[in-house]
Protein backbone atom coordinates (compact mmCIF):
# COMPACT_ATOMS: atom_id res chain seq x y z
CA MET A 1 -17.83 -1.93 -4.92
CA ARG A 2 -14.93 -1.59 -7.36
CA ARG A 3 -11.31 -2.47 -6.70
CA LEU A 4 -8.93 0.31 -5.61
CA GLN A 5 -6.08 1.25 -7.96
CA VAL A 6 -2.49 1.14 -6.68
CA ARG A 7 -0.40 4.23 -7.52
CA PHE A 8 3.27 4.82 -6.65
CA SER A 9 4.92 8.12 -5.80
CA ALA A 10 8.08 8.85 -7.80
CA ALA A 11 10.27 7.99 -4.79
CA ALA A 12 8.40 4.72 -4.12
CA ALA A 13 8.63 3.71 -7.79
CA GLU A 14 12.38 4.30 -7.71
CA GLN A 15 12.76 2.33 -4.47
CA LEU A 16 10.69 -0.52 -5.91
CA ALA A 17 12.79 -0.57 -9.09
CA GLY A 18 15.90 -1.05 -6.92
CA LEU A 19 14.58 -4.36 -5.55
CA HIS A 20 15.17 -7.78 -7.08
CA ARG A 21 12.46 -8.79 -9.55
CA ARG A 22 11.11 -11.53 -7.26
CA ARG A 23 10.84 -9.09 -4.33
CA GLN A 24 9.07 -6.57 -6.59
CA GLY A 25 6.52 -9.21 -7.54
CA MET A 26 5.91 -10.25 -3.93
CA LEU A 27 5.32 -6.66 -2.85
CA LYS A 28 3.10 -5.83 -5.83
CA ARG A 29 0.96 -8.93 -5.19
CA GLU A 30 0.53 -7.96 -1.55
CA LEU A 31 -0.42 -4.40 -2.55
CA GLU A 32 -3.00 -5.76 -5.00
CA ARG A 33 -4.40 -8.01 -2.25
CA VAL A 34 -4.78 -5.01 0.06
CA ALA A 35 -6.35 -2.95 -2.73
CA GLY A 36 -8.86 -5.72 -3.41
CA ALA A 37 -9.75 -6.19 0.26
CA ALA A 38 -9.89 -2.55 1.38
CA PRO A 39 -13.29 -1.54 -0.04
CA ALA A 40 -15.01 -4.78 0.94
CA ARG A 41 -13.90 -4.72 4.56
CA GLY A 42 -13.94 -1.01 5.30
CA ALA A 43 -11.35 -1.79 7.97
CA ALA A 44 -7.60 -2.07 8.20
CA PRO A 45 -6.02 -4.86 6.15
CA ALA A 46 -4.24 -7.75 7.82
CA GLY A 47 -0.84 -6.16 7.08
CA GLY A 48 -1.49 -3.69 9.89
CA SER A 49 -2.25 0.00 9.98
CA ALA A 50 -1.69 2.97 12.17
CA PRO A 51 -3.17 6.44 11.91
CA GLY A 52 -0.50 8.91 10.95
CA PRO A 53 -0.08 12.67 10.97
CA GLY A 54 -0.85 12.89 7.23
CA SER A 55 -3.96 10.77 7.51
CA GLY A 56 -7.10 12.76 6.75
CA PRO A 57 -10.70 11.94 7.55
CA ASP A 58 -11.12 9.99 4.30
CA GLY A 59 -7.75 8.17 4.29
CA ARG A 60 -5.68 5.93 6.51
CA ILE A 61 -1.99 5.12 6.58
CA VAL A 62 -1.25 1.43 6.09
CA ARG A 63 1.90 -0.70 6.21
CA VAL A 64 1.95 -3.49 3.67
CA ARG A 65 4.51 -6.15 4.58
CA THR A 66 6.24 -9.04 2.90
CA PRO A 67 8.93 -11.16 4.58
CA MET A 68 11.61 -8.89 3.07
CA ASP A 69 10.03 -5.47 2.45
CA ILE A 70 7.55 -2.93 3.79
CA ALA A 71 5.51 -0.37 1.82
CA ALA A 72 3.98 2.71 3.43
CA CYS A 73 0.63 3.52 1.82
CA GLU A 74 -2.44 5.66 2.23
CA VAL A 75 -5.81 4.13 1.40
CA LEU A 76 -8.13 6.75 -0.12
CA GLU A 77 -11.41 4.92 -0.59
CA ASP A 78 -13.26 8.06 -1.74
CA GLU A 79 -10.69 8.52 -4.53
CA GLY A 80 -10.48 4.79 -5.30
CA LEU A 81 -6.71 4.72 -4.66
CA VAL A 82 -4.01 3.06 -2.63
CA LEU A 83 -1.15 5.57 -2.80
CA VAL A 84 2.29 4.08 -2.06
CA TYR A 85 4.67 6.63 -0.53
CA ALA A 86 7.73 4.52 0.29
CA VAL A 87 9.22 1.06 -0.13
CA VAL A 88 11.70 0.00 2.55
CA PRO A 89 13.74 -3.22 2.77
CA ARG A 90 13.43 -4.96 6.15
């Protein structure tokens, strides 16, 4: 199965740009790890997940965490995407 692509909403891209370069890299690496693991496992990544109100039958809401930041994402395996909605400092 192919790797999922990571896409950022406009708000998430702006929030990510506001972080220090090192923190951006840490969060992007963790997002790539989740994107690479999601299709193979078919289950929630180690970062944790919780079904949310916007979660449809083909997607799930996932929190991707680093020691300093959290990203709220939706994994859409049918579309081949990990869509990042928000980036929040801890």
